[in-house]
C-alpha atoms as a PDB file:
ATOM      1  CA  MET A   1       2.628   3.084  30.144  1.00  0.00           C
ATOM      2  CA  LYS A   2       3.001   0.869  26.906  1.00  0.00           C
ATOM      3  CA  PHE A   3       1.814   2.243  23.206  1.00  0.00           C
ATOM      4  CA  ILE A   4       1.416  -0.541  21.470  1.00  0.00           C
ATOM      5  CA  ASN A   5       1.040  -0.465  17.414  1.00  0.00           C
ATOM      6  CA  ALA A   6      -0.049  -3.552  16.821  1.00  0.00           C
ATOM      7  CA  HIS A   7       0.379  -3.705  12.737  1.00  0.00           C
ATOM      8  CA  CYS A   8       3.558  -2.630  11.154  1.00  0.00           C
ATOM      9  CA  HIS A   9       6.231  -3.540   8.386  1.00  0.00           C
ATOM     10  CA  LEU A  10       9.652  -2.461  10.141  1.00  0.00           C
ATOM     11  CA  LEU A  11      11.495  -3.333   6.451  1.00  0.00           C
ATOM     12  CA  TYR A  12       9.752  -0.697   4.467  1.00  0.00           C
ATOM     13  CA  GLU A  13      11.345   2.893   3.931  1.00  0.00           C
ATOM     14  CA  LYS A  14       8.913   5.085   2.652  1.00  0.00           C
ATOM     15  CA  ARG A  15       5.739   5.992   0.621  1.00  0.00           C
ATOM     16  CA  THR A  16       6.476   4.871  -3.087  1.00  0.00           C
ATOM     17  CA  PRO A  17       6.928   7.184  -5.768  1.00  0.00           C
ATOM     18  CA  GLN A  18       4.124   5.285  -7.556  1.00  0.00           C
ATOM     19  CA  SER A  19       0.607   6.083  -5.886  1.00  0.00           C
ATOM     20  CA  PRO A  20      -1.990   3.586  -5.505  1.00  0.00           C
ATOM     21  CA  LYS A  21      -4.781   6.088  -7.469  1.00  0.00           C
ATOM     22  CA  HIS A  22      -2.887   4.310 -10.576  1.00  0.00           C
ATOM     23  CA  GLY A  23      -3.929   0.974  -9.054  1.00  0.00           C
ATOM     24  CA  GLU A  24      -3.503  -1.388  -6.266  1.00  0.00           C
ATOM     25  CA  PHE A  25      -1.421  -4.252  -8.114  1.00  0.00           C
ATOM     26  CA  SER A  26       0.918  -1.386  -9.899  1.00  0.00           C
ATOM     27  CA  TRP A  27       1.603   0.179  -5.922  1.00  0.00           C
ATOM     28  CA  PHE A  28       2.239  -3.730  -5.207  1.00  0.00           C
ATOM     29  CA  LYS A  29       4.789  -3.183  -8.104  1.00  0.00           C
ATOM     30  CA  GLU A  30       6.748  -0.638  -6.983  1.00  0.00           C
ATOM     31  CA  ILE A  31       6.807  -1.911  -3.011  1.00  0.00           C
ATOM     32  CA  ILE A  32       8.157  -5.491  -4.203  1.00  0.00           C
ATOM     33  CA  LYS A  33      10.995  -3.829  -6.633  1.00  0.00           C
ATOM     34  CA  ILE A  34      12.112  -1.552  -3.615  1.00  0.00           C
ATOM     35  CA  SER A  35      12.366  -4.761  -1.716  1.00  0.00           C
ATOM     36  CA  ARG A  36      13.928  -6.880  -3.483  1.00  0.00           C
ATOM     37  CA  ASN A  37      16.985  -4.014  -4.260  1.00  0.00           C
ATOM     38  CA  LYS A  38      17.538  -4.048  -0.442  1.00  0.00           C
ATOM     39  CA  THR A  39      20.349  -5.940   1.101  1.00  0.00           C
ATOM     40  CA  PRO A  40      19.933  -7.782   4.450  1.00  0.00           C
ATOM     41  CA  GLU A  41      22.508  -5.168   6.164  1.00  0.00           C
ATOM     42  CA  GLU A  42      20.248  -1.945   4.314  1.00  0.00           C
ATOM     43  CA  ASN A  43      16.604  -3.747   5.936  1.00  0.00           C
ATOM     44  CA  LEU A  44      18.744  -4.396   9.247  1.00  0.00           C
ATOM     45  CA  GLU A  45      19.391  -0.197   8.905  1.00  0.00           C
ATOM     46  CA  ILE A  46      15.490   0.530   8.002  1.00  0.00           C
ATOM     47  CA  ALA A  47      14.000  -1.490  10.539  1.00  0.00           C
ATOM     48  CA  LYS A  48      16.512  -0.127  13.466  1.00  0.00           C
ATOM     49  CA  LYS A  49      15.329   3.773  12.194  1.00  0.00           C
ATOM     50  CA  ASN A  50      12.050   2.584  11.731  1.00  0.00           C
ATOM     51  CA  ILE A  51      11.917   1.192  15.616  1.00  0.00           C
ATOM     52  CA  GLN A  52      13.829   4.548  16.799  1.00  0.00           C
ATOM     53  CA  GLU A  53      10.997   6.638  15.461  1.00  0.00           C
ATOM     54  CA  ALA A  54       8.756   4.328  17.414  1.00  0.00           C
ATOM     55  CA  LEU A  55      10.398   4.333  20.396  1.00  0.00           C
ATOM     56  CA  ASP A  56      10.752   8.506  19.892  1.00  0.00           C
ATOM     57  CA  THR A  57       6.941   8.480  19.771  1.00  0.00           C
ATOM     58  CA  GLY A  58       6.148   6.517  22.277  1.00  0.00           C
ATOM     59  CA  THR A  59       5.718   3.316  21.367  1.00  0.00           C
ATOM     60  CA  ARG A  60       6.997   0.101  23.726  1.00  0.00           C
ATOM     61  CA  TYR A  61       5.631  -2.672  21.641  1.00  0.00           C
ATOM     62  CA  ILE A  62       5.542  -3.764  17.896  1.00  0.00           C
ATOM     63  CA  VAL A  63       3.377  -6.315  16.171  1.00  0.00           C
ATOM     64  CA  GLU A  64       5.376  -6.848  13.307  1.00  0.00           C
ATOM     65  CA  ASN A  65       4.426  -8.501  10.091  1.00  0.00           C
ATOM     66  CA  SER A  66       7.815  -9.758   8.462  1.00  0.00           C
ATOM     67  CA  PHE A  67       8.927 -11.071   4.862  1.00  0.00           C
ATOM     68  CA  SER A  68      12.324 -11.566   6.970  1.00  0.00           C
ATOM     69  CA  PRO A  69      11.179 -12.861  10.228  1.00  0.00           C
ATOM     70  CA  GLU A  70      15.112 -12.953  11.557  1.00  0.00           C
ATOM     71  CA  ILE A  71      16.385  -9.150  10.563  1.00  0.00           C
ATOM     72  CA  SER A  72      13.070  -7.745  12.191  1.00  0.00           C
ATOM     73  CA  LEU A  73      13.669  -9.687  15.165  1.00  0.00           C
ATOM     74  CA  GLN A  74      17.303  -8.418  15.187  1.00  0.00           C
ATOM     75  CA  ALA A  75      16.371  -5.243  15.161  1.00  0.00           C
ATOM     76  CA  MET A  76      14.037  -5.016  18.107  1.00  0.00           C
ATOM     77  CA  ARG A  77      16.475  -6.821  19.809  1.00  0.00           C
ATOM     78  CA  GLU A  78      19.571  -4.617  19.338  1.00  0.00           C
ATOM     79  CA  MET A  79      16.308  -1.581  19.732  1.00  0.00           C
ATOM     80  CA  LYS A  80      15.355  -2.841  22.916  1.00  0.00           C
ATOM     81  CA  ILE A  81      11.957  -3.056  22.022  1.00  0.00           C
ATOM     82  CA  SER A  82       9.193  -5.328  23.194  1.00  0.00           C
ATOM     83  CA  GLY A  83       6.536  -7.005  20.759  1.00  0.00           C
ATOM     84  CA  GLU A  84       6.311 -10.208  18.548  1.00  0.00           C
ATOM     85  CA  VAL A  85       7.364 -10.826  14.713  1.00  0.00           C
ATOM     86  CA  ALA A  86       4.423 -12.823  12.779  1.00  0.00           C
ATOM     87  CA  ILE A  87       6.093 -14.218   9.881  1.00  0.00           C
ATOM     88  CA  GLU A  88       4.815 -13.083   6.561  1.00  0.00           C
ATOM     89  CA  LEU A  89       3.677 -15.973   4.190  1.00  0.00           C
ATOM     90  CA  PHE A  90       2.772 -16.486   0.773  1.00  0.00           C
ATOM     91  CA  SER A  91       1.457 -18.976  -1.671  1.00  0.00           C
ATOM     92  CA  ASN A  92      -1.427 -19.206  -3.645  1.00  0.00           C
ATOM     93  CA  GLU A  93      -0.275 -23.907  -4.055  1.00  0.00           C
ATOM     94  CA  THR A  94      -3.373 -26.348  -3.626  1.00  0.00           C
ATOM     95  CA  GLU A  95      -1.589 -29.185  -4.266  1.00  0.00           C
ATOM     96  CA  GLU A  96      -1.464 -30.893  -0.867  1.00  0.00           C
ATOM     97  CA  GLU A  97       1.884 -32.786  -1.021  1.00  0.00           C
ATOM     98  CA  PHE A  98       3.686 -29.460  -1.547  1.00  0.00           C
ATOM     99  CA  LEU A  99       2.061 -27.798   1.371  1.00  0.00           C
ATOM    100  CA  HIS A 100       2.768 -30.708   3.562  1.00  0.00           C
ATOM    101  CA  LYS A 101       6.027 -29.810   2.940  1.00  0.00           C
ATOM    102  CA  LEU A 102       5.671 -25.908   3.043  1.00  0.00           C
ATOM    103  CA  ILE A 103       4.331 -26.216   6.739  1.00  0.00           C
ATOM    104  CA  ASN A 104       7.035 -28.874   7.989  1.00  0.00           C
ATOM    105  CA  GLN A 105       9.767 -25.899   6.981  1.00  0.00           C
ATOM    106  CA  ILE A 106       7.528 -22.919   8.915  1.00  0.00           C
ATOM    107  CA  GLU A 107       7.102 -25.501  11.702  1.00  0.00           C
ATOM    108  CA  ASN A 108      11.023 -25.626  11.934  1.00  0.00           C
ATOM    109  CA  LYS A 109      11.843 -21.867  11.639  1.00  0.00           C
ATOM    110  CA  ILE A 110       9.426 -21.018  14.027  1.00  0.00           C
ATOM    111  CA  LYS A 111      10.685 -23.210  16.468  1.00  0.00           C
ATOM    112  CA  LYS A 112      14.740 -22.105  15.560  1.00  0.00           C
ATOM    113  CA  LEU A 113      13.438 -18.330  15.783  1.00  0.00           C
ATOM    114  CA  GLN A 114      11.439 -19.367  19.363  1.00  0.00           C
ATOM    115  CA  ASP A 115      15.374 -20.671  20.590  1.00  0.00           C
ATOM    116  CA  LYS A 116      16.991 -18.055  19.441  1.00  0.00           C
ATOM    117  CA  TYR A 117      15.061 -15.208  20.437  1.00  0.00           C
ATOM    118  CA  SER A 118      13.066 -16.705  23.191  1.00  0.00           C
ATOM    119  CA  GLU A 119      12.091 -13.002  24.634  1.00  0.00           C
ATOM    120  CA  TYR A 120      10.022 -12.323  21.438  1.00  0.00           C
ATOM    121  CA  GLN A 121       6.596 -14.416  20.714  1.00  0.00           C
ATOM    122  CA  ILE A 122       6.875 -15.776  17.215  1.00  0.00           C
ATOM    123  CA  ASN A 123       2.843 -15.898  15.151  1.00  0.00           C
ATOM    124  CA  LEU A 124       2.017 -16.053  12.034  1.00  0.00           C
ATOM    125  CA  ALA A 125       1.469 -13.867   9.416  1.00  0.00           C
ATOM    126  CA  PRO A 126      -0.686 -15.129   5.892  1.00  0.00           C
ATOM    127  CA  HIS A 127      -0.354 -12.216   3.994  1.00  0.00           C
ATOM    128  CA  SER A 128      -4.234 -11.994   2.553  1.00  0.00           C
ATOM    129  CA  ILE A 129      -6.979 -14.027   0.355  1.00  0.00           C
ATOM    130  CA  TYR A 130      -5.384 -12.918  -2.488  1.00  0.00           C
ATOM    131  CA  ASN A 131      -1.570 -14.285  -1.527  1.00  0.00           C
ATOM    132  CA  VAL A 132      -2.711 -17.193  -0.156  1.00  0.00           C
ATOM    133  CA  SER A 133      -4.756 -20.359  -0.914  1.00  0.00           C
ATOM    134  CA  GLY A 134      -7.899 -21.296   0.508  1.00  0.00           C
ATOM    135  CA  VAL A 135      -6.014 -24.469   1.023  1.00  0.00           C
ATOM    136  CA  TYR A 136      -2.895 -23.303   2.761  1.00  0.00           C
ATOM    137  CA  LEU A 137      -5.257 -21.083   5.108  1.00  0.00           C
ATOM    138  CA  GLN A 138      -6.260 -23.748   6.480  1.00  0.00           C
ATOM    139  CA  LYS A 139      -3.066 -26.030   7.062  1.00  0.00           C
ATOM    140  CA  ILE A 140      -1.572 -22.836   8.426  1.00  0.00           C
ATOM    141  CA  SER A 141      -4.933 -22.586  10.816  1.00  0.00           C
ATOM    142  CA  GLU A 142      -4.021 -25.847  12.238  1.00  0.00           C
ATOM    143  CA  LEU A 143      -0.366 -25.493  12.651  1.00  0.00           C
ATOM    144  CA  ALA A 144      -1.698 -22.004  14.839  1.00  0.00           C
ATOM    145  CA  HIS A 145      -3.738 -23.846  17.431  1.00  0.00           C
ATOM    146  CA  LYS A 146      -1.403 -26.988  17.250  1.00  0.00           C
ATOM    147  CA  LEU A 147       1.195 -24.344  18.503  1.00  0.00           C
ATOM    148  CA  ASP A 148      -1.044 -21.637  20.481  1.00  0.00           C
ATOM    149  CA  LEU A 149       0.336 -18.938  18.040  1.00  0.00           C
ATOM    150  CA  LYS A 150      -1.879 -16.142  16.803  1.00  0.00           C
ATOM    151  CA  ILE A 151      -2.654 -15.279  12.905  1.00  0.00           C
ATOM    152  CA  TYR A 152      -2.377 -12.047  11.695  1.00  0.00           C
ATOM    153  CA  LEU A 153      -4.440 -11.663   8.283  1.00  0.00           C
ATOM    154  CA  HIS A 154      -4.980  -8.761   5.696  1.00  0.00           C
ATOM    155  CA  ALA A 155      -8.347  -9.179   5.244  1.00  0.00           C
ATOM    156  CA  ALA A 156     -11.233  -6.939   3.524  1.00  0.00           C
ATOM    157  CA  GLU A 157      -8.857  -3.948   2.860  1.00  0.00           C
ATOM    158  CA  PHE A 158      -9.254  -3.637  -0.664  1.00  0.00           C
ATOM    159  CA  ALA A 159     -12.633  -3.834  -2.827  1.00  0.00           C
ATOM    160  CA  PHE A 160     -11.350  -6.113  -5.277  1.00  0.00           C
ATOM    161  CA  GLU A 161     -11.298  -8.820  -2.342  1.00  0.00           C
ATOM    162  CA  ASP A 162     -14.669  -8.648  -3.161  1.00  0.00           C
ATOM    163  CA  GLU A 163     -14.543  -9.638  -6.609  1.00  0.00           C
ATOM    164  CA  LEU A 164     -12.201 -12.130  -6.177  1.00  0.00           C
ATOM    165  CA  VAL A 165     -14.602 -13.562  -3.941  1.00  0.00           C
ATOM    166  CA  GLN A 166     -18.154 -13.930  -6.213  1.00  0.00           C
ATOM    167  CA  ASN A 167     -15.905 -14.509  -9.090  1.00  0.00           C
ATOM    168  CA  GLY A 168     -13.101 -16.988  -7.653  1.00  0.00           C
ATOM    169  CA  ARG A 169     -11.190 -15.359  -9.969  1.00  0.00           C
ATOM    170  CA  PHE A 170      -9.443 -12.005 -10.486  1.00  0.00           C
ATOM    171  CA  MET A 171     -11.262 -10.799 -13.589  1.00  0.00           C
ATOM    172  CA  GLY A 172      -8.409  -7.331 -14.564  1.00  0.00           C
ATOM    173  CA  GLU A 173      -5.860  -7.217 -16.543  1.00  0.00           C
ATOM    174  CA  ASP A 174      -3.569  -5.186 -13.941  1.00  0.00           C
ATOM    175  CA  ALA A 175      -4.179  -8.308 -11.348  1.00  0.00           C
ATOM    176  CA  ILE A 176      -3.719 -10.501 -14.382  1.00  0.00           C
ATOM    177  CA  ASP A 177      -0.770  -8.831 -15.504  1.00  0.00           C
ATOM    178  CA  PHE A 178       0.951  -8.737 -11.742  1.00  0.00           C
ATOM    179  CA  TYR A 179       0.602 -12.384 -10.753  1.00  0.00           C
ATOM    180  CA  GLU A 180       1.292 -13.721 -14.276  1.00  0.00           C
ATOM    181  CA  ASN A 181       4.250 -11.542 -15.662  1.00  0.00           C
ATOM    182  CA  PHE A 182       5.870 -10.017 -13.091  1.00  0.00           C
ATOM    183  CA  LEU A 183       5.624 -12.767 -10.312  1.00  0.00           C
ATOM    184  CA  LYS A 184       5.552 -15.058 -12.681  1.00  0.00           C
ATOM    185  CA  VAL A 185       3.213 -17.173 -10.389  1.00  0.00           C
ATOM    186  CA  LYS A 186      -0.320 -19.049 -11.015  1.00  0.00           C
ATOM    187  CA  LEU A 187      -3.429 -16.388 -10.625  1.00  0.00           C
ATOM    188  CA  PRO A 188      -5.473 -17.036  -7.153  1.00  0.00           C
ATOM    189  CA  LEU A 189      -8.379 -19.054  -7.842  1.00  0.00           C
ATOM    190  CA  ILE A 190     -10.587 -19.597  -5.038  1.00  0.00           C
ATOM    191  CA  ARG A 191     -13.601 -21.348  -4.284  1.00  0.00           C
ATOM    192  CA  GLY A 192     -16.283 -18.089  -5.790  1.00  0.00           C
ATOM    193  CA  LEU A 193     -19.255 -17.628  -3.193  1.00  0.00           C
ATOM    194  CA  GLY A 194     -21.095 -16.073  -5.530  1.00  0.00           C
ATOM    195  CA  GLY A 195     -24.019 -13.460  -5.397  1.00  0.00           C
ATOM    196  CA  GLY A 196     -24.238 -10.085  -4.713  1.00  0.00           C
ATOM    197  CA  LYS A 197     -23.930 -10.619  -0.468  1.00  0.00           C
ATOM    198  CA  SER A 198     -21.095 -12.504  -0.254  1.00  0.00           C
ATOM    199  CA  SER A 199     -17.963 -11.207   1.660  1.00  0.00           C
ATOM    200  CA  VAL A 200     -14.367 -11.944   2.605  1.00  0.00           C
ATOM    201  CA  ILE A 201     -15.815 -12.818   6.083  1.00  0.00           C
ATOM    202  CA  LYS A 202     -17.850 -15.352   4.990  1.00  0.00           C
ATOM    203  CA  TYR A 203     -15.382 -16.530   2.758  1.00  0.00           C
ATOM    204  CA  LEU A 204     -13.090 -17.435   5.844  1.00  0.00           C
ATOM    205  CA  GLU A 205     -16.116 -18.228   7.846  1.00  0.00           C
ATOM    206  CA  SER A 206     -16.597 -21.154   5.035  1.00  0.00           C
ATOM    207  CA  LEU A 207     -13.099 -22.158   5.197  1.00  0.00           C
ATOM    208  CA  ASN A 208     -13.580 -22.928   8.868  1.00  0.00           C
ATOM    209  CA  ILE A 209     -10.820 -20.853   9.775  1.00  0.00           C
ATOM    210  CA  LEU A 210     -12.369 -18.237  12.194  1.00  0.00           C
ATOM    211  CA  SER A 211     -11.380 -18.388  15.999  1.00  0.00           C
ATOM    212  CA  SER A 212     -10.129 -15.659  18.518  1.00  0.00           C
ATOM    213  CA  ASN A 213      -6.539 -16.516  17.689  1.00  0.00           C
ATOM    214  CA  LEU A 214      -7.179 -15.031  14.206  1.00  0.00           C
ATOM    215  CA  LYS A 215      -6.670 -11.104  14.209  1.00  0.00           C
ATOM    216  CA  ILE A 216      -7.789  -9.803  11.107  1.00  0.00           C
ATOM    217  CA  ILE A 217      -5.772  -6.680   9.825  1.00  0.00           C
ATOM    218  CA  HIS A 218      -7.999  -3.291   8.002  1.00  0.00           C
ATOM    219  CA  ALA A 219     -11.312  -5.205   7.803  1.00  0.00           C
ATOM    220  CA  CYS A 220     -12.916  -1.908   5.723  1.00  0.00           C
ATOM    221  CA  ASN A 221     -15.542  -3.537   3.621  1.00  0.00           C
ATOM    222  CA  CYS A 222     -17.338  -4.977   6.464  1.00  0.00           C
ATOM    223  CA  SER A 223     -21.287  -5.017   6.576  1.00  0.00           C
ATOM    224  CA  ASP A 224     -23.068  -5.271   9.345  1.00  0.00           C
ATOM    225  CA  GLU A 225     -23.184  -8.973   8.872  1.00  0.00           C
ATOM    226  CA  ASP A 226     -19.874  -9.393   8.726  1.00  0.00           C
ATOM    227  CA  LEU A 227     -18.953  -7.611  12.348  1.00  0.00           C
ATOM    228  CA  ASP A 228     -21.952  -9.601  13.565  1.00  0.00           C
ATOM    229  CA  ILE A 229     -19.867 -13.008  12.410  1.00  0.00           C
ATOM    230  CA  LEU A 230     -16.567 -11.488  13.665  1.00  0.00           C
ATOM    231  CA  LYS A 231     -18.240 -10.988  16.689  1.00  0.00           C
ATOM    232  CA  LYS A 232     -19.796 -14.272  16.925  1.00  0.00           C
ATOM    233  CA  TYR A 233     -16.173 -16.242  17.000  1.00  0.00           C
ATOM    234  CA  LYS A 234     -14.728 -13.046  19.074  1.00  0.00           C
ATOM    235  CA  ILE A 235     -12.036 -11.655  16.495  1.00  0.00           C
ATOM    236  CA  ASP A 236     -10.410  -8.606  16.757  1.00  0.00           C
ATOM    237  CA  VAL A 237      -9.653  -6.238  14.593  1.00  0.00           C
ATOM    238  CA  ILE A 238      -6.836  -3.952  13.782  1.00  0.00           C
ATOM    239  CA  SER A 239      -7.352  -0.809  11.833  1.00  0.00           C
ATOM    240  CA  CYS A 240      -5.008   1.653   9.981  1.00  0.00           C
ATOM    241  CA  PRO A 241      -6.927   4.978   9.228  1.00  0.00           C
ATOM    242  CA  ARG A 242      -4.438   6.671   7.840  1.00  0.00           C
ATOM    243  CA  SER A 243      -2.955   3.721   5.938  1.00  0.00           C
ATOM    244  CA  ASN A 244      -6.413   3.499   4.634  1.00  0.00           C
ATOM    245  CA  LYS A 245      -6.991   6.571   3.750  1.00  0.00           C
ATOM    246  CA  TYR A 246      -3.588   6.817   1.656  1.00  0.00           C
ATOM    247  CA  LEU A 247      -4.694   3.626  -0.049  1.00  0.00           C
ATOM    248  CA  ASN A 248      -7.958   4.824  -0.999  1.00  0.00           C
ATOM    249  CA  ASN A 249      -9.824   2.317   0.777  1.00  0.00           C
ATOM    250  CA  SER A 250     -12.719   2.619   2.479  1.00  0.00           C
ATOM    251  CA  LYS A 251     -13.390   3.834   6.221  1.00  0.00           C
ATOM    252  CA  ALA A 252     -13.366   0.888   8.482  1.00  0.00           C
ATOM    253  CA  ASN A 253     -17.035   0.698  10.438  1.00  0.00           C
ATOM    254  CA  LEU A 254     -15.128   1.005  14.250  1.00  0.00           C
ATOM    255  CA  LEU A 255     -18.259   2.397  15.593  1.00  0.00           C
ATOM    256  CA  GLY A 256     -20.226  -0.688  14.756  1.00  0.00           C
ATOM    257  CA  MET A 257     -17.227  -2.713  16.538  1.00  0.00           C
ATOM    258  CA  LYS A 258     -17.769  -1.004  19.701  1.00  0.00           C
ATOM    259  CA  GLU A 259     -21.278  -1.289  19.175  1.00  0.00           C
ATOM    260  CA  ARG A 260     -20.903  -5.140  18.802  1.00  0.00           C
ATOM    261  CA  ASN A 261     -18.155  -5.356  21.498  1.00  0.00           C
ATOM    262  CA  ILE A 262     -15.430  -6.065  19.092  1.00  0.00           C
ATOM    263  CA  LYS A 263     -11.956  -4.964  20.041  1.00  0.00           C
ATOM    264  CA  PHE A 264     -10.391  -2.670  18.016  1.00  0.00           C
ATOM    265  CA  GLN A 265      -7.217  -2.095  17.985  1.00  0.00           C
ATOM    266  CA  ILE A 266      -5.658   1.245  15.939  1.00  0.00           C
ATOM    267  CA  ALA A 267      -2.364   1.108  14.184  1.00  0.00           C
ATOM    268  CA  THR A 268       0.081   2.717  11.737  1.00  0.00           C
ATOM    269  CA  ASP A 269       1.001   0.024   9.120  1.00  0.00           C
ATOM    270  CA  SER A 270       3.730   0.757   7.606  1.00  0.00           C
ATOM    271  CA  LEU A 271       6.165   3.966   5.853  1.00  0.00           C
ATOM    272  CA  ALA A 272       4.975   2.675   2.057  1.00  0.00           C
ATOM    273  CA  SER A 273       1.470   3.591   3.233  1.00  0.00           C
ATOM    274  CA  ASN A 274       2.260   6.249   5.872  1.00  0.00           C
ATOM    275  CA  ASP A 275       3.881   9.406   6.650  1.00  0.00           C
ATOM    276  CA  SER A 276       5.155   8.650  10.090  1.00  0.00           C
ATOM    277  CA  LEU A 277       4.943   5.665  13.206  1.00  0.00           C
ATOM    278  CA  SER A 278       3.540   8.074  15.483  1.00  0.00           C
ATOM    279  CA  LEU A 279       0.571   6.433  17.371  1.00  0.00           C
ATOM    280  CA  TRP A 280      -0.262   9.980  18.305  1.00  0.00           C
ATOM    281  CA  ASP A 281      -0.179  10.743  14.808  1.00  0.00           C
ATOM    282  CA  GLU A 282      -2.496   8.281  14.130  1.00  0.00           C
ATOM    283  CA  ILE A 283      -4.989   9.041  16.980  1.00  0.00           C
ATOM    284  CA  GLU A 284      -5.417  12.882  15.581  1.00  0.00           C
ATOM    285  CA  PHE A 285      -6.231  11.857  12.110  1.00  0.00           C
ATOM    286  CA  SER A 286      -8.763   9.428  13.475  1.00  0.00           C
ATOM    287  CA  LYS A 287      -9.751  11.669  16.150  1.00  0.00           C
ATOM    288  CA  LYS A 288     -11.176  13.687  12.869  1.00  0.00           C
ATOM    289  CA  LEU A 289     -12.204  10.665  11.277  1.00  0.00           C
ATOM    290  CA  TYR A 290     -14.008   9.147  14.136  1.00  0.00           C
ATOM    291  CA  PRO A 291     -16.067  11.991  15.803  1.00  0.00           C
ATOM    292  CA  GLU A 292     -18.548   9.534  17.263  1.00  0.00           C
ATOM    293  CA  LEU A 293     -15.723   7.872  19.386  1.00  0.00           C
ATOM    294  CA  SER A 294     -14.581   9.238  22.171  1.00  0.00           C
ATOM    295  CA  ASP A 295     -11.279  10.284  23.012  1.00  0.00           C
ATOM    296  CA  ASP A 296     -11.551   7.276  25.379  1.00  0.00           C
ATOM    297  CA  ASP A 297     -12.371   4.650  22.476  1.00  0.00           C
ATOM    298  CA  LEU A 298      -9.400   5.912  20.726  1.00  0.00           C
ATOM    299  CA  PHE A 299      -6.530   5.904  23.394  1.00  0.00           C
ATOM    300  CA  ARG A 300      -7.698   2.264  24.825  1.00  0.00           C
ATOM    301  CA  SER A 301      -6.800   1.337  21.160  1.00  0.00           C
ATOM    302  CA  ILE A 302      -2.980   1.995  21.096  1.00  0.00           C
ATOM    303  CA  ILE A 303      -2.784   1.054  25.155  1.00  0.00           C
ATOM    304  CA  PHE A 304      -1.091  -1.781  25.817  1.00  0.00           C
ATOM    305  CA  ASN A 305      -3.424  -4.181  27.652  1.00  0.00           C
ATOM    306  CA  ASP A 306      -6.559  -1.871  27.318  1.00  0.00           C
ATOM    307  CA  ASP A 307      -5.273   0.102  30.808  1.00  0.00           C
ATOM    308  CA  SER A 308      -8.411   2.124  30.760  1.00  0.00           C
ATOM    309  CA  SER A 309      -6.773   4.047  33.751  1.00  0.00           C
ATOM    310  CA  THR A 310      -3.719   4.895  31.845  1.00  0.00           C
ATOM    311  CA  ALA A 311      -6.265   5.858  28.837  1.00  0.00           C
ATOM    312  CA  LYS A 312      -7.916   8.588  30.886  1.00  0.00           C
ATOM    313  CA  SER A 313      -4.874  10.076  32.311  1.00  0.00           C
ATOM    314  CA  ILE A 314      -3.255  10.409  29.018  1.00  0.00           C
ATOM    315  CA  ILE A 315      -6.300  12.296  28.009  1.00  0.00           C
ATOM    316  CA  ASN A 316      -6.224  14.235  30.983  1.00  0.00           C
END
């Protein structure tokens, strides 16, 4: 029997002092500040500690999104847990030559990691539409298809993503301050769709990157039309209910996904937005949040390879 935690960030240690109630971008700042102050050795110990908690609560397979994949892979190997590591990617650059060099660097990095950690899958995790330009997303998608990799993308998580899609840029001072003054990078500018019916999922479709190798993380703000698009392209969703509750996000429409035969998995996300890495805790919370779903629906979402007979034995 294997429990799979389909979305985790093992290098985050605990929920930040800065509550997301003060604004998502203030919360982002706190996470980055804490991460910047950690040494590689400290990050390795944090990852190993988090893996131990996962192991103690039944998880045997982790899908890790990591800004430092070598540290995550080393920790997973030392702790003898199965899984995959998706390399987190960030850049709002759009200049072709720059992105071409960046993609070549990423491809070389993937090959080195695959050679050194052959027991693990290496995949790609472009962070989000607000931290990865549309052009870069397209090039990442091309690379994923070339190397037969999966893509894990945070999408339709925060309400401000719809603002970005509609306007083509952020309008709020907190967002502008985060990018220009804190990160000291360009403000993300995208090809805005305009209109009240635009959405993150429609934006991704406009980039021609939707396919079954793409996994959408969170999908809190999805209309019925968005879910129909996900079904059309056979895209799986990974939902993190406790994390989304902490971040004041909308409740993902898991029933709508079930009705459309969209596969969804329930995961914990990281300790930066959760109390634990226990999938038991996640399921207990989800049972209260989603009374419209059966125990079987929920347990299937954490079972490796969707073994329904195993799910039924757990329920019993």
